[in-house]
Amino acid sequence: MTNSSQQPLSKLNVLSFKGVQMKTFHTTWFMFFVCFFGWFGLAPLMPTIREDLALTKSQVGNLIIVSVSTTIIARLIIGRLCDTWGPRKTAVWLLLIGSIPVFLVGLAKDYTTFLIFRAAIGIIGASFVITQFHTSMMFASNIKGTANAVAGGWGNLGGGITNMVMPVIFASIVGFGFTKGEAWRYAMIVPGVMMLIAAVLYQKYTKDTPQGNYSEIGKTKGTHAKTDWSVLKDWRVWALTFAYAMCFGMEITFDNVASLHFVDTFNLPQATAGMLAGIFGAMNIFARALGGIVSDKTGKRFGMRGKGLLLAIVLLLEGLGLILFAQAGTVVFAIASMLTFALFLKMANGATYGIVPFVNEKNVGLVSGIVGAGGNLGGMMFGFLFKSENISYAQAFTYIGYIVIAVSAIVFVTRFYKVPATKEEVVLQPGVAIA
């Protein structure tokens, strides 16, 4: 029999570091935050990299596509590994292996080698699945949506801080007398070191579940059922996958192209463009959490149907905001419209994962991985629009806005409901609460 300290928490006190649940919460969002530095550290430096490697618009588009496409497969694999290995071991190995291409990308001397390194770095994006899975393990169903949204949002915050900080690191290295071509390469050593530090912290301060690690509580591959791919027949999983493609897919796409868009459209310096792109990402400090909080409150009053309607509404508003952003003729209007669609986009992220843990509670890791992969699939598909020589960035944003609105209609007609795990399955899935 377990005591209260070994149970999922029913309250989230973000100022607390007490107990394995809160230590894990803070460590896992920080891990995802650091991974964003490795994953998107190159994005705000692309104006310089484009010049250094003489990249065409099509080649830049390919880099955008490959940076998120490798994450699709990685997220599916990581979701399964969380179910079998446990999130702790999975996170540590992902950080260690993922840091290698981050350290070595500076060796790239041409488009092809840079493309290969960019693809390898993409596996780091699978860290999101670990964060969502691990947070779901540590919190009870009444607060799970909020906890997932806060952890995911604070991790996504790394995308914004990266856009702000990496140009400063780059400029500092140039200030020491290095060329711009050398500076962007040396700058990537910083996120590589951060990932190694995060691996040590994850190993030291987290447990797989409130009761302990899988190995400590007798959860092994031998006791775990085979992967239940029947979840792929569940339309709700696909609806959430499409939804996440529209919100998180657009988020990582914007992280990739924002600096280039502001430089090319408004003739801004790289550092200024990075700062504006950083504002977009910085909204994660509250906006994704807000989506999760509202989702939980809506769920208490209106059930899963209310959670689904909320997601449809914020997606609709995101799409409208994107269309406004595409029409911006001045920097001021661009910033205002960017903040508008960013708010609803990030709320949609939180609202999506306010639903995910309840769709199939005996396969939380797998469903999280599938939906998470959908986010990267969206980012990959959007990348083709930004690659085209015949479509401007503004036109690409407009087309995406209409696609997001269409998906909001799909979510609106989808009926969401809970499929709880049985008591026997909960034994095999520690920390997954029965709703």
Foldseek 3Di string as FASTA:
>chain_A
DDDPLLAAAADDDQVDCPGQLNLLLVLLLVLLLLLLCLLLLCQLVVVLVCVQQVNDLLLLLLLLQLSLQLLLVLLLVLLVCCLAQFLLVSSLVLLVQLLVLLLVLLVDRHSVSNSVSSNSNSSSNSSLLSSLLQNLQRHALLCSLLSNLQSSLSSLLSLLVSLQVSVVQLVVVVVVPDDSSNSSNVSSVVSSVVSNVSSVSSNPRHARHSNGHCVVLVQHPVVDDPDDPCVVVPVVLVLLLLLLQLQLLVLSLCSNCQLVCCCVQVVDDSNVSSNLSSVLSNVSNPLSSVLSVVLSVLCVVPNPLSLLLLLLVLLLQLLVLLLQLLPDNDPVSNSVSSVRSSSSSSSSNSSSSSQQCFQAVLSSSNSSSNSSSSNSVSNSVLSVQSSDPVHDPSNSSNVSSVSSNVSSVVSNPDDGDGDFDDPVSCSNVRSRYGD
